Amino acid sequence: MATNQIFDEGDDLSVACTDPATPAAGDPVRLGQLGGVAQTAERSDGNTSVSFEGVFKLSVKGVNGSGNTAIAAGDTIFYVDADTPKLSAKATGVKYGTALDPVTSGATTTIRVRLNGAV
């Protein structure tokens, strides 16, 4: 057995998120090029418990880089720091996960999103 292994699985970790500045429990978050969901609010040490794997109900907007667009089940979802909500079809953001439900063009809808995977 390797003596340098820290965790058996790396899908739930305590990290200092890149965005948002102060995550709340349930928020989509970004750690560099990894998307996750905050399981806790940011603590006084600056860290947040984050899940990087799983399926979560998250707010997604039906827009891409050109404007309003419908999102279909199976489409890639991206995380854009400057947007509200953070998740959409804007490929200028960080690849976050996969839509499991549709979003109407221009609408903001809470849908099931499968995260890309563990760190």
PDB file of N, CA and C in Angstrom:
ATOM      1  N   MET A   1       0.843  -1.190   0.000  1.00  0.00           N
ATOM      2  CA  MET A   1       0.000   0.000   0.000  1.00  0.00           C
ATOM      3  C   MET A   1       0.883   1.246   0.000  1.00  0.00           C
ATOM      4  N   ALA A   2       0.474   2.220  -0.783  1.00  0.00           N
ATOM      5  CA  ALA A   2       1.228   3.470  -0.856  1.00  0.00           C
ATOM      6  C   ALA A   2       1.133   4.218   0.463  1.00  0.00           C
ATOM      7  N   THR A   3       2.257   4.695   0.937  1.00  0.00           N
ATOM      8  CA  THR A   3       2.274   5.422   2.205  1.00  0.00           C
ATOM      9  C   THR A   3       2.014   6.912   2.030  1.00  0.00           C
ATOM     10  N   ASN A   4       1.919   7.380   0.782  1.00  0.00           N
ATOM     11  CA  ASN A   4       1.695   8.801   0.533  1.00  0.00           C
ATOM     12  C   ASN A   4       0.243   9.130   0.196  1.00  0.00           C
ATOM     13  N   GLN A   5      -0.667   8.155   0.251  1.00  0.00           N
ATOM     14  CA  GLN A   5      -2.075   8.404  -0.031  1.00  0.00           C
ATOM     15  C   GLN A   5      -2.713   9.132   1.150  1.00  0.00           C
ATOM     16  N   ILE A   6      -3.432  10.221   0.840  1.00  0.00           N
ATOM     17  CA  ILE A   6      -4.070  11.025   1.884  1.00  0.00           C
ATOM     18  C   ILE A   6      -5.502  10.572   2.102  1.00  0.00           C
ATOM     19  N   PHE A   7      -6.277  10.375   1.021  1.00  0.00           N
ATOM     20  CA  PHE A   7      -7.667   9.949   1.096  1.00  0.00           C
ATOM     21  C   PHE A   7      -7.886   8.801   0.121  1.00  0.00           C
ATOM     22  N   ASP A   8      -8.776   7.879   0.492  1.00  0.00           N
ATOM     23  CA  ASP A   8      -9.129   6.780  -0.397  1.00  0.00           C
ATOM     24  C   ASP A   8      -9.941   7.308  -1.574  1.00  0.00           C
ATOM     25  N   GLU A   9     -10.858   8.234  -1.316  1.00  0.00           N
ATOM     26  CA  GLU A   9     -11.648   8.884  -2.360  1.00  0.00           C
ATOM     27  C   GLU A   9     -11.470  10.389  -2.217  1.00  0.00           C
ATOM     28  N   GLY A  10     -11.471  11.102  -3.325  1.00  0.00           N
ATOM     29  CA  GLY A  10     -11.246  12.541  -3.281  1.00  0.00           C
ATOM     30  C   GLY A  10     -12.430  13.351  -3.739  1.00  0.00           C
ATOM     31  N   ASP A  11     -13.659  12.864  -3.498  1.00  0.00           N
ATOM     32  CA  ASP A  11     -14.812  13.597  -4.008  1.00  0.00           C
ATOM     33  C   ASP A  11     -15.440  14.533  -2.981  1.00  0.00           C
ATOM     34  N   ASP A  12     -15.073  14.443  -1.700  1.00  0.00           N
ATOM     35  CA  ASP A  12     -15.552  15.356  -0.661  1.00  0.00           C
ATOM     36  C   ASP A  12     -14.339  15.868   0.100  1.00  0.00           C
ATOM     37  N   LEU A  13     -14.041  17.155  -0.081  1.00  0.00           N
ATOM     38  CA  LEU A  13     -12.831  17.734   0.513  1.00  0.00           C
ATOM     39  C   LEU A  13     -13.116  19.091   1.132  1.00  0.00           C
ATOM     40  N   SER A  14     -12.284  19.484   2.083  1.00  0.00           N
ATOM     41  CA  SER A  14     -12.317  20.817   2.662  1.00  0.00           C
ATOM     42  C   SER A  14     -11.295  21.659   1.897  1.00  0.00           C
ATOM     43  N   VAL A  15     -11.768  22.710   1.208  1.00  0.00           N
ATOM     44  CA  VAL A  15     -10.897  23.516   0.342  1.00  0.00           C
ATOM     45  C   VAL A  15     -11.247  24.995   0.451  1.00  0.00           C
ATOM     46  N   ALA A  16     -10.310  25.840   0.029  1.00  0.00           N
ATOM     47  CA  ALA A  16     -10.557  27.274  -0.107  1.00  0.00           C
ATOM     48  C   ALA A  16     -11.028  27.498  -1.543  1.00  0.00           C
ATOM     49  N   CYS A  17     -12.311  27.757  -1.727  1.00  0.00           N
ATOM     50  CA  CYS A  17     -12.899  27.889  -3.064  1.00  0.00           C
ATOM     51  C   CYS A  17     -12.362  29.109  -3.797  1.00  0.00           C
ATOM     52  N   THR A  18     -12.206  28.988  -5.114  1.00  0.00           N
ATOM     53  CA  THR A  18     -11.799  30.096  -5.961  1.00  0.00           C
ATOM     54  C   THR A  18     -12.957  31.075  -6.144  1.00  0.00           C
ATOM     55  N   ASP A  19     -14.185  30.545  -6.283  1.00  0.00           N
ATOM     56  CA  ASP A  19     -15.388  31.361  -6.461  1.00  0.00           C
ATOM     57  C   ASP A  19     -16.574  30.547  -5.974  1.00  0.00           C
ATOM     58  N   PRO A  20     -17.539  31.167  -5.310  1.00  0.00           N
ATOM     59  CA  PRO A  20     -17.645  32.565  -4.892  1.00  0.00           C
ATOM     60  C   PRO A  20     -16.719  32.870  -3.716  1.00  0.00           C
ATOM     61  N   ALA A  21     -16.616  34.148  -3.394  1.00  0.00           N
ATOM     62  CA  ALA A  21     -15.723  34.587  -2.322  1.00  0.00           C
ATOM     63  C   ALA A  21     -16.100  33.971  -0.980  1.00  0.00           C
ATOM     64  N   THR A  22     -17.387  33.873  -0.701  1.00  0.00           N
ATOM     65  CA  THR A  22     -17.860  33.311   0.568  1.00  0.00           C
ATOM     66  C   THR A  22     -18.997  32.341   0.281  1.00  0.00           C
ATOM     67  N   PRO A  23     -18.693  31.077   0.013  1.00  0.00           N
ATOM     68  CA  PRO A  23     -19.737  30.106  -0.327  1.00  0.00           C
ATOM     69  C   PRO A  23     -20.694  29.832   0.831  1.00  0.00           C
ATOM     70  N   ALA A  24     -21.941  29.564   0.485  1.00  0.00           N
ATOM     71  CA  ALA A  24     -22.953  29.100   1.434  1.00  0.00           C
ATOM     72  C   ALA A  24     -23.272  27.651   1.105  1.00  0.00           C
ATOM     73  N   ALA A  25     -23.768  26.912   2.074  1.00  0.00           N
ATOM     74  CA  ALA A  25     -24.134  25.514   1.842  1.00  0.00           C
ATOM     75  C   ALA A  25     -25.135  25.425   0.695  1.00  0.00           C
ATOM     76  N   GLY A  26     -24.886  24.524  -0.240  1.00  0.00           N
ATOM     77  CA  GLY A  26     -25.757  24.331  -1.394  1.00  0.00           C
ATOM     78  C   GLY A  26     -25.360  25.121  -2.621  1.00  0.00           C
ATOM     79  N   ASP A  27     -24.413  26.057  -2.480  1.00  0.00           N
ATOM     80  CA  ASP A  27     -23.967  26.865  -3.622  1.00  0.00           C
ATOM     81  C   ASP A  27     -23.114  26.046  -4.577  1.00  0.00           C
ATOM     82  N   PRO A  28     -23.259  26.280  -5.907  1.00  0.00           N
ATOM     83  CA  PRO A  28     -22.250  25.763  -6.815  1.00  0.00           C
ATOM     84  C   PRO A  28     -20.968  26.554  -6.560  1.00  0.00           C
ATOM     85  N   VAL A  29     -19.825  25.880  -6.589  1.00  0.00           N
ATOM     86  CA  VAL A  29     -18.545  26.538  -6.347  1.00  0.00           C
ATOM     87  C   VAL A  29     -17.533  26.095  -7.384  1.00  0.00           C
ATOM     88  N   ARG A  30     -16.432  26.846  -7.433  1.00  0.00           N
ATOM     89  CA  ARG A  30     -15.343  26.519  -8.345  1.00  0.00           C
ATOM     90  C   ARG A  30     -14.039  26.503  -7.562  1.00  0.00           C
ATOM     91  N   LEU A  31     -13.231  25.499  -7.819  1.00  0.00           N
ATOM     92  CA  LEU A  31     -11.874  25.403  -7.296  1.00  0.00           C
ATOM     93  C   LEU A  31     -10.973  25.237  -8.508  1.00  0.00           C
ATOM     94  N   GLY A  32     -10.407  26.330  -8.980  1.00  0.00           N
ATOM     95  CA  GLY A  32      -9.631  26.279 -10.219  1.00  0.00           C
ATOM     96  C   GLY A  32     -10.502  25.796 -11.360  1.00  0.00           C
ATOM     97  N   GLN A  33     -10.150  24.674 -11.973  1.00  0.00           N
ATOM     98  CA  GLN A  33     -10.904  24.117 -13.091  1.00  0.00           C
ATOM     99  C   GLN A  33     -11.908  23.054 -12.652  1.00  0.00           C
ATOM    100  N   LEU A  34     -12.157  22.927 -11.345  1.00  0.00           N
ATOM    101  CA  LEU A  34     -13.081  21.924 -10.816  1.00  0.00           C
ATOM    102  C   LEU A  34     -14.351  22.567 -10.287  1.00  0.00           C
ATOM    103  N   GLY A  35     -15.476  21.986 -10.642  1.00  0.00           N
ATOM    104  CA  GLY A  35     -16.759  22.439 -10.127  1.00  0.00           C
ATOM    105  C   GLY A  35     -17.236  21.533  -9.019  1.00  0.00           C
ATOM    106  N   GLY A  36     -17.889  22.120  -8.026  1.00  0.00           N
ATOM    107  CA  GLY A  36     -18.425  21.341  -6.929  1.00  0.00           C
ATOM    108  C   GLY A  36     -19.615  22.039  -6.308  1.00  0.00           C
ATOM    109  N   VAL A  37     -20.133  21.453  -5.227  1.00  0.00           N
ATOM    110  CA  VAL A  37     -21.244  22.038  -4.482  1.00  0.00           C
ATOM    111  C   VAL A  37     -20.820  22.122  -3.020  1.00  0.00           C
ATOM    112  N   ALA A  38     -20.968  23.315  -2.432  1.00  0.00           N
ATOM    113  CA  ALA A  38     -20.617  23.521  -1.033  1.00  0.00           C
ATOM    114  C   ALA A  38     -21.560  22.723  -0.141  1.00  0.00           C
ATOM    115  N   GLN A  39     -21.000  21.927   0.745  1.00  0.00           N
ATOM    116  CA  GLN A  39     -21.792  21.174   1.714  1.00  0.00           C
ATOM    117  C   GLN A  39     -21.965  21.960   3.008  1.00  0.00           C
ATOM    118  N   THR A  40     -21.059  22.926   3.236  1.00  0.00           N
ATOM    119  CA  THR A  40     -21.123  23.807   4.400  1.00  0.00           C
ATOM    120  C   THR A  40     -20.851  25.229   3.936  1.00  0.00           C
ATOM    121  N   ALA A  41     -21.185  26.190   4.775  1.00  0.00           N
ATOM    122  CA  ALA A  41     -20.780  27.567   4.520  1.00  0.00           C
ATOM    123  C   ALA A  41     -19.273  27.669   4.770  1.00  0.00           C
ATOM    124  N   GLU A  42     -18.654  28.688   4.203  1.00  0.00           N
ATOM    125  CA  GLU A  42     -17.233  28.894   4.442  1.00  0.00           C
ATOM    126  C   GLU A  42     -16.993  29.108   5.938  1.00  0.00           C
ATOM    127  N   ARG A  43     -15.984  28.416   6.468  1.00  0.00           N
ATOM    128  CA  ARG A  43     -15.649  28.515   7.880  1.00  0.00           C
ATOM    129  C   ARG A  43     -14.645  29.643   8.122  1.00  0.00           C
ATOM    130  N   SER A  44     -14.366  29.931   9.370  1.00  0.00           N
ATOM    131  CA  SER A  44     -13.452  31.013   9.736  1.00  0.00           C
ATOM    132  C   SER A  44     -12.032  30.795   9.217  1.00  0.00           C
ATOM    133  N   ASP A  45     -11.657  29.526   8.921  1.00  0.00           N
ATOM    134  CA  ASP A  45     -10.323  29.256   8.375  1.00  0.00           C
ATOM    135  C   ASP A  45     -10.261  29.466   6.863  1.00  0.00           C
ATOM    136  N   GLY A  46     -11.401  29.895   6.248  1.00  0.00           N
ATOM    137  CA  GLY A  46     -11.443  30.155   4.815  1.00  0.00           C
ATOM    138  C   GLY A  46     -11.766  28.940   3.976  1.00  0.00           C
ATOM    139  N   ASN A  47     -11.965  27.781   4.601  1.00  0.00           N
ATOM    140  CA  ASN A  47     -12.265  26.555   3.866  1.00  0.00           C
ATOM    141  C   ASN A  47     -13.754  26.240   3.898  1.00  0.00           C
ATOM    142  N   THR A  48     -14.173  25.496   2.903  1.00  0.00           N
ATOM    143  CA  THR A  48     -15.553  25.041   2.756  1.00  0.00           C
ATOM    144  C   THR A  48     -15.518  23.550   2.447  1.00  0.00           C
ATOM    145  N   SER A  49     -16.425  22.784   3.031  1.00  0.00           N
ATOM    146  CA  SER A  49     -16.545  21.362   2.672  1.00  0.00           C
ATOM    147  C   SER A  49     -17.295  21.294   1.351  1.00  0.00           C
ATOM    148  N   VAL A  50     -16.682  20.663   0.349  1.00  0.00           N
ATOM    149  CA  VAL A  50     -17.217  20.651  -1.012  1.00  0.00           C
ATOM    150  C   VAL A  50     -17.296  19.228  -1.549  1.00  0.00           C
ATOM    151  N   SER A  51     -18.413  18.909  -2.211  1.00  0.00           N
ATOM    152  CA  SER A  51     -18.552  17.655  -2.955  1.00  0.00           C
ATOM    153  C   SER A  51     -18.224  17.941  -4.414  1.00  0.00           C
ATOM    154  N   PHE A  52     -17.347  17.133  -4.991  1.00  0.00           N
ATOM    155  CA  PHE A  52     -16.948  17.289  -6.388  1.00  0.00           C
ATOM    156  C   PHE A  52     -17.551  16.208  -7.276  1.00  0.00           C
ATOM    157  N   GLU A  53     -18.396  15.374  -6.712  1.00  0.00           N
ATOM    158  CA  GLU A  53     -19.020  14.308  -7.477  1.00  0.00           C
ATOM    159  C   GLU A  53     -20.449  14.121  -6.998  1.00  0.00           C
ATOM    160  N   GLY A  54     -21.347  13.789  -7.916  1.00  0.00           N
ATOM    161  CA  GLY A  54     -22.733  13.533  -7.551  1.00  0.00           C
ATOM    162  C   GLY A  54     -23.694  14.271  -8.469  1.00  0.00           C
ATOM    163  N   VAL A  55     -24.973  14.187  -8.128  1.00  0.00           N
ATOM    164  CA  VAL A  55     -26.028  14.874  -8.865  1.00  0.00           C
ATOM    165  C   VAL A  55     -26.721  15.807  -7.877  1.00  0.00           C
ATOM    166  N   PHE A  56     -26.863  17.075  -8.268  1.00  0.00           N
ATOM    167  CA  PHE A  56     -27.436  18.095  -7.402  1.00  0.00           C
ATOM    168  C   PHE A  56     -28.492  18.900  -8.151  1.00  0.00           C
ATOM    169  N   LYS A  57     -29.495  19.395  -7.442  1.00  0.00           N
ATOM    170  CA  LYS A  57     -30.474  20.327  -8.004  1.00  0.00           C
ATOM    171  C   LYS A  57     -29.875  21.724  -7.902  1.00  0.00           C
ATOM    172  N   LEU A  58     -29.649  22.355  -9.068  1.00  0.00           N
ATOM    173  CA  LEU A  58     -28.993  23.655  -9.125  1.00  0.00           C
ATOM    174  C   LEU A  58     -29.697  24.577 -10.105  1.00  0.00           C
ATOM    175  N   SER A  59     -29.575  25.873  -9.864  1.00  0.00           N
ATOM    176  CA  SER A  59     -30.163  26.884 -10.732  1.00  0.00           C
ATOM    177  C   SER A  59     -29.292  27.072 -11.972  1.00  0.00           C
ATOM    178  N   VAL A  60     -29.901  26.921 -13.158  1.00  0.00           N
ATOM    179  CA  VAL A  60     -29.187  27.019 -14.434  1.00  0.00           C
ATOM    180  C   VAL A  60     -29.958  27.963 -15.348  1.00  0.00           C
ATOM    181  N   LYS A  61     -29.231  28.831 -16.059  1.00  0.00           N
ATOM    182  CA  LYS A  61     -29.867  29.772 -16.988  1.00  0.00           C
ATOM    183  C   LYS A  61     -29.668  29.311 -18.420  1.00  0.00           C
ATOM    184  N   GLY A  62     -30.722  29.405 -19.221  1.00  0.00           N
ATOM    185  CA  GLY A  62     -30.693  29.007 -20.626  1.00  0.00           C
ATOM    186  C   GLY A  62     -30.075  30.075 -21.504  1.00  0.00           C
ATOM    187  N   VAL A  63     -28.754  30.255 -21.376  1.00  0.00           N
ATOM    188  CA  VAL A  63     -28.003  31.201 -22.204  1.00  0.00           C
ATOM    189  C   VAL A  63     -26.679  30.575 -22.604  1.00  0.00           C
ATOM    190  N   ASN A  64     -26.138  31.078 -23.724  1.00  0.00           N
ATOM    191  CA  ASN A  64     -24.774  30.727 -24.116  1.00  0.00           C
ATOM    192  C   ASN A  64     -24.061  32.027 -24.477  1.00  0.00           C
ATOM    193  N   GLY A  65     -22.897  31.951 -25.092  1.00  0.00           N
ATOM    194  CA  GLY A  65     -22.121  33.145 -25.416  1.00  0.00           C
ATOM    195  C   GLY A  65     -22.788  34.066 -26.417  1.00  0.00           C
ATOM    196  N   SER A  66     -23.785  33.574 -27.157  1.00  0.00           N
ATOM    197  CA  SER A  66     -24.470  34.378 -28.168  1.00  0.00           C
ATOM    198  C   SER A  66     -25.802  34.939 -27.689  1.00  0.00           C
ATOM    199  N   GLY A  67     -26.268  34.514 -26.517  1.00  0.00           N
ATOM    200  CA  GLY A  67     -27.561  34.973 -26.007  1.00  0.00           C
ATOM    201  C   GLY A  67     -28.385  33.812 -25.491  1.00  0.00           C
ATOM    202  N   ASN A  68     -29.696  33.984 -25.549  1.00  0.00           N
ATOM    203  CA  ASN A  68     -30.598  32.948 -25.032  1.00  0.00           C
ATOM    204  C   ASN A  68     -30.518  31.680 -25.865  1.00  0.00           C
ATOM    205  N   THR A  69     -30.550  30.539 -25.174  1.00  0.00           N
ATOM    206  CA  THR A  69     -30.530  29.240 -25.849  1.00  0.00           C
ATOM    207  C   THR A  69     -31.159  28.199 -24.944  1.00  0.00           C
ATOM    208  N   ALA A  70     -31.810  27.229 -25.537  1.00  0.00           N
ATOM    209  CA  ALA A  70     -32.361  26.116 -24.759  1.00  0.00           C
ATOM    210  C   ALA A  70     -31.229  25.165 -24.382  1.00  0.00           C
ATOM    211  N   ILE A  71     -31.363  24.558 -23.222  1.00  0.00           N
ATOM    212  CA  ILE A  71     -30.421  23.537 -22.768  1.00  0.00           C
ATOM    213  C   ILE A  71     -31.186  22.223 -22.719  1.00  0.00           C
ATOM    214  N   ALA A  72     -30.631  21.205 -23.334  1.00  0.00           N
ATOM    215  CA  ALA A  72     -31.258  19.880 -23.357  1.00  0.00           C
ATOM    216  C   ALA A  72     -30.570  18.964 -22.350  1.00  0.00           C
ATOM    217  N   ALA A  73     -31.283  17.943 -21.918  1.00  0.00           N
ATOM    218  CA  ALA A  73     -30.671  16.921 -21.077  1.00  0.00           C
ATOM    219  C   ALA A  73     -29.481  16.352 -21.829  1.00  0.00           C
ATOM    220  N   GLY A  74     -28.349  16.247 -21.168  1.00  0.00           N
ATOM    221  CA  GLY A  74     -27.129  15.763 -21.795  1.00  0.00           C
ATOM    222  C   GLY A  74     -26.173  16.863 -22.218  1.00  0.00           C
ATOM    223  N   ASP A  75     -26.636  18.124 -22.230  1.00  0.00           N
ATOM    224  CA  ASP A  75     -25.759  19.240 -22.610  1.00  0.00           C
ATOM    225  C   ASP A  75     -24.765  19.553 -21.498  1.00  0.00           C
ATOM    226  N   THR A  76     -23.610  20.086 -21.888  1.00  0.00           N
ATOM    227  CA  THR A  76     -22.588  20.485 -20.933  1.00  0.00           C
ATOM    228  C   THR A  76     -22.988  21.794 -20.261  1.00  0.00           C
ATOM    229  N   ILE A  77     -22.769  21.844 -18.947  1.00  0.00           N
ATOM    230  CA  ILE A  77     -23.034  23.043 -18.159  1.00  0.00           C
ATOM    231  C   ILE A  77     -21.692  23.649 -17.757  1.00  0.00           C
ATOM    232  N   PHE A  78     -21.608  24.979 -17.802  1.00  0.00           N
ATOM    233  CA  PHE A  78     -20.379  25.702 -17.473  1.00  0.00           C
ATOM    234  C   PHE A  78     -20.623  26.633 -16.282  1.00  0.00           C
ATOM    235  N   TYR A  79     -19.556  26.915 -15.542  1.00  0.00           N
ATOM    236  CA  TYR A  79     -19.575  27.815 -14.388  1.00  0.00           C
ATOM    237  C   TYR A  79     -18.930  29.123 -14.812  1.00  0.00           C
ATOM    238  N   VAL A  80     -19.672  30.248 -14.690  1.00  0.00           N
ATOM    239  CA  VAL A  80     -19.159  31.569 -15.063  1.00  0.00           C
ATOM    240  C   VAL A  80     -19.178  32.449 -13.819  1.00  0.00           C
ATOM    241  N   ASP A  81     -17.986  32.844 -13.355  1.00  0.00           N
ATOM    242  CA  ASP A  81     -17.857  33.599 -12.104  1.00  0.00           C
ATOM    243  C   ASP A  81     -18.751  34.831 -12.046  1.00  0.00           C
ATOM    244  N   ALA A  82     -18.805  35.618 -13.115  1.00  0.00           N
ATOM    245  CA  ALA A  82     -19.489  36.907 -13.098  1.00  0.00           C
ATOM    246  C   ALA A  82     -21.004  36.810 -13.258  1.00  0.00           C
ATOM    247  N   ASP A  83     -21.531  35.635 -13.569  1.00  0.00           N
ATOM    248  CA  ASP A  83     -22.963  35.503 -13.857  1.00  0.00           C
ATOM    249  C   ASP A  83     -23.792  35.132 -12.627  1.00  0.00           C
ATOM    250  N   THR A  84     -25.077  35.477 -12.695  1.00  0.00           N
ATOM    251  CA  THR A  84     -26.070  35.047 -11.707  1.00  0.00           C
ATOM    252  C   THR A  84     -27.265  34.524 -12.470  1.00  0.00           C
ATOM    253  N   PRO A  85     -27.581  33.243 -12.362  1.00  0.00           N
ATOM    254  CA  PRO A  85     -26.839  32.223 -11.630  1.00  0.00           C
ATOM    255  C   PRO A  85     -25.518  31.910 -12.322  1.00  0.00           C
ATOM    256  N   LYS A  86     -24.655  31.213 -11.628  1.00  0.00           N
ATOM    257  CA  LYS A  86     -23.299  30.902 -12.113  1.00  0.00           C
ATOM    258  C   LYS A  86     -23.284  29.881 -13.243  1.00  0.00           C
ATOM    259  N   LEU A  87     -24.353  29.067 -13.356  1.00  0.00           N
ATOM    260  CA  LEU A  87     -24.368  27.940 -14.297  1.00  0.00           C
ATOM    261  C   LEU A  87     -25.199  28.232 -15.537  1.00  0.00           C
ATOM    262  N   SER A  88     -24.655  27.867 -16.710  1.00  0.00           N
ATOM    263  CA  SER A  88     -25.333  28.083 -17.988  1.00  0.00           C
ATOM    264  C   SER A  88     -24.631  27.260 -19.068  1.00  0.00           C
ATOM    265  N   ALA A  89     -24.944  27.560 -20.315  1.00  0.00           N
ATOM    266  CA  ALA A  89     -24.302  26.903 -21.455  1.00  0.00           C
ATOM    267  C   ALA A  89     -23.178  27.755 -22.047  1.00  0.00           C
ATOM    268  N   LYS A  90     -22.715  28.766 -21.306  1.00  0.00           N
ATOM    269  CA  LYS A  90     -21.638  29.645 -21.791  1.00  0.00           C
ATOM    270  C   LYS A  90     -20.302  28.919 -21.732  1.00  0.00           C
ATOM    271  N   ALA A  91     -19.796  28.537 -22.898  1.00  0.00           N
ATOM    272  CA  ALA A  91     -18.551  27.773 -22.980  1.00  0.00           C
ATOM    273  C   ALA A  91     -17.332  28.602 -22.592  1.00  0.00           C
ATOM    274  N   THR A  92     -17.506  29.901 -22.317  1.00  0.00           N
ATOM    275  CA  THR A  92     -16.397  30.736 -21.864  1.00  0.00           C
ATOM    276  C   THR A  92     -16.063  30.462 -20.401  1.00  0.00           C
ATOM    277  N   GLY A  93     -16.956  29.751 -19.701  1.00  0.00           N
ATOM    278  CA  GLY A  93     -16.727  29.428 -18.297  1.00  0.00           C
ATOM    279  C   GLY A  93     -15.963  28.124 -18.138  1.00  0.00           C
ATOM    280  N   VAL A  94     -15.884  27.667 -16.909  1.00  0.00           N
ATOM    281  CA  VAL A  94     -15.221  26.410 -16.569  1.00  0.00           C
ATOM    282  C   VAL A  94     -16.227  25.278 -16.716  1.00  0.00           C
ATOM    283  N   LYS A  95     -15.840  24.201 -17.404  1.00  0.00           N
ATOM    284  CA  LYS A  95     -16.731  23.050 -17.571  1.00  0.00           C
ATOM    285  C   LYS A  95     -17.105  22.529 -16.190  1.00  0.00           C
ATOM    286  N   TYR A  96     -18.411  22.428 -15.923  1.00  0.00           N
ATOM    287  CA  TYR A  96     -18.902  22.126 -14.586  1.00  0.00           C
ATOM    288  C   TYR A  96     -19.561  20.756 -14.483  1.00  0.00           C
ATOM    289  N   GLY A  97     -20.412  20.434 -15.451  1.00  0.00           N
ATOM    290  CA  GLY A  97     -21.133  19.169 -15.370  1.00  0.00           C
ATOM    291  C   GLY A  97     -22.045  18.964 -16.555  1.00  0.00           C
ATOM    292  N   THR A  98     -23.050  18.112 -16.355  1.00  0.00           N
ATOM    293  CA  THR A  98     -23.979  17.757 -17.419  1.00  0.00           C
ATOM    294  C   THR A  98     -25.413  17.965 -16.953  1.00  0.00           C
ATOM    295  N   ALA A  99     -26.214  18.641 -17.785  1.00  0.00           N
ATOM    296  CA  ALA A  99     -27.631  18.838 -17.477  1.00  0.00           C
ATOM    297  C   ALA A  99     -28.353  17.505 -17.600  1.00  0.00           C
ATOM    298  N   LEU A 100     -29.186  17.185 -16.612  1.00  0.00           N
ATOM    299  CA  LEU A 100     -30.002  15.977 -16.680  1.00  0.00           C
ATOM    300  C   LEU A 100     -31.460  16.307 -16.975  1.00  0.00           C
ATOM    301  N   ASP A 101     -31.779  17.601 -17.024  1.00  0.00           N
ATOM    302  CA  ASP A 101     -33.122  18.091 -17.340  1.00  0.00           C
ATOM    303  C   ASP A 101     -32.982  19.278 -18.284  1.00  0.00           C
ATOM    304  N   PRO A 102     -34.040  19.610 -19.019  1.00  0.00           N
ATOM    305  CA  PRO A 102     -33.969  20.743 -19.946  1.00  0.00           C
ATOM    306  C   PRO A 102     -34.184  22.087 -19.258  1.00  0.00           C
ATOM    307  N   VAL A 103     -33.699  23.147 -19.918  1.00  0.00           N
ATOM    308  CA  VAL A 103     -33.947  24.529 -19.514  1.00  0.00           C
ATOM    309  C   VAL A 103     -34.416  25.261 -20.765  1.00  0.00           C
ATOM    310  N   THR A 104     -35.529  25.972 -20.664  1.00  0.00           N
ATOM    311  CA  THR A 104     -36.068  26.739 -21.780  1.00  0.00           C
ATOM    312  C   THR A 104     -35.143  27.915 -22.099  1.00  0.00           C
ATOM    313  N   SER A 105     -35.055  28.279 -23.359  1.00  0.00           N
ATOM    314  CA  SER A 105     -34.236  29.397 -23.809  1.00  0.00           C
ATOM    315  C   SER A 105     -34.536  30.656 -22.993  1.00  0.00           C
ATOM    316  N   GLY A 106     -33.501  31.234 -22.364  1.00  0.00           N
ATOM    317  CA  GLY A 106     -33.629  32.466 -21.592  1.00  0.00           C
ATOM    318  C   GLY A 106     -34.148  32.289 -20.180  1.00  0.00           C
ATOM    319  N   ALA A 107     -34.646  31.118 -19.841  1.00  0.00           N
ATOM    320  CA  ALA A 107     -35.228  30.883 -18.516  1.00  0.00           C
ATOM    321  C   ALA A 107     -34.146  30.491 -17.510  1.00  0.00           C
ATOM    322  N   THR A 108     -34.444  30.727 -16.237  1.00  0.00           N
ATOM    323  CA  THR A 108     -33.615  30.227 -15.145  1.00  0.00           C
ATOM    324  C   THR A 108     -34.442  29.175 -14.431  1.00  0.00           C
ATOM    325  N   THR A 109     -33.918  27.942 -14.377  1.00  0.00           N
ATOM    326  CA  THR A 109     -34.662  26.807 -13.849  1.00  0.00           C
ATOM    327  C   THR A 109     -33.757  25.975 -12.945  1.00  0.00           C
ATOM    328  N   THR A 110     -34.312  25.436 -11.879  1.00  0.00           N
ATOM    329  CA  THR A 110     -33.569  24.516 -11.031  1.00  0.00           C
ATOM    330  C   THR A 110     -33.708  23.119 -11.634  1.00  0.00           C
ATOM    331  N   ILE A 111     -32.562  22.558 -12.011  1.00  0.00           N
ATOM    332  CA  ILE A 111     -32.539  21.246 -12.652  1.00  0.00           C
ATOM    333  C   ILE A 111     -31.521  20.341 -11.974  1.00  0.00           C
ATOM    334  N   ARG A 112     -31.547  19.063 -12.321  1.00  0.00           N
ATOM    335  CA  ARG A 112     -30.540  18.127 -11.857  1.00  0.00           C
ATOM    336  C   ARG A 112     -29.289  18.273 -12.735  1.00  0.00           C
ATOM    337  N   VAL A 113     -28.141  18.441 -12.061  1.00  0.00           N
ATOM    338  CA  VAL A 113     -26.870  18.568 -12.758  1.00  0.00           C
ATOM    339  C   VAL A 113     -25.902  17.524 -12.196  1.00  0.00           C
ATOM    340  N   ARG A 114     -25.318  16.741 -13.096  1.00  0.00           N
ATOM    341  CA  ARG A 114     -24.300  15.751 -12.699  1.00  0.00           C
ATOM    342  C   ARG A 114     -22.953  16.435 -12.788  1.00  0.00           C
ATOM    343  N   LEU A 115     -22.217  16.458 -11.667  1.00  0.00           N
ATOM    344  CA  LEU A 115     -20.903  17.082 -11.650  1.00  0.00           C
ATOM    345  C   LEU A 115     -19.921  16.266 -12.463  1.00  0.00           C
ATOM    346  N   ASN A 116     -18.862  16.919 -12.956  1.00  0.00           N
ATOM    347  CA  ASN A 116     -17.879  16.259 -13.801  1.00  0.00           C
ATOM    348  C   ASN A 116     -17.122  15.138 -13.134  1.00  0.00           C
ATOM    349  N   GLY A 117     -16.888  15.231 -11.849  1.00  0.00           N
ATOM    350  CA  GLY A 117     -16.180  14.146 -11.181  1.00  0.00           C
ATOM    351  C   GLY A 117     -15.239  14.602 -10.107  1.00  0.00           C
ATOM    352  N   ALA A 118     -14.663  13.648  -9.416  1.00  0.00           N
ATOM    353  CA  ALA A 118     -13.798  13.918  -8.258  1.00  0.00           C
ATOM    354  C   ALA A 118     -12.466  14.493  -8.671  1.00  0.00           C
ATOM    355  N   VAL A 119     -11.822  15.096  -7.718  1.00  0.00           N
ATOM    356  CA  VAL A 119     -10.501  15.676  -7.922  1.00  0.00           C
ATOM    357  C   VAL A 119      -9.464  14.578  -7.990  1.00  0.00           C
TER     358      VAL A 119
END
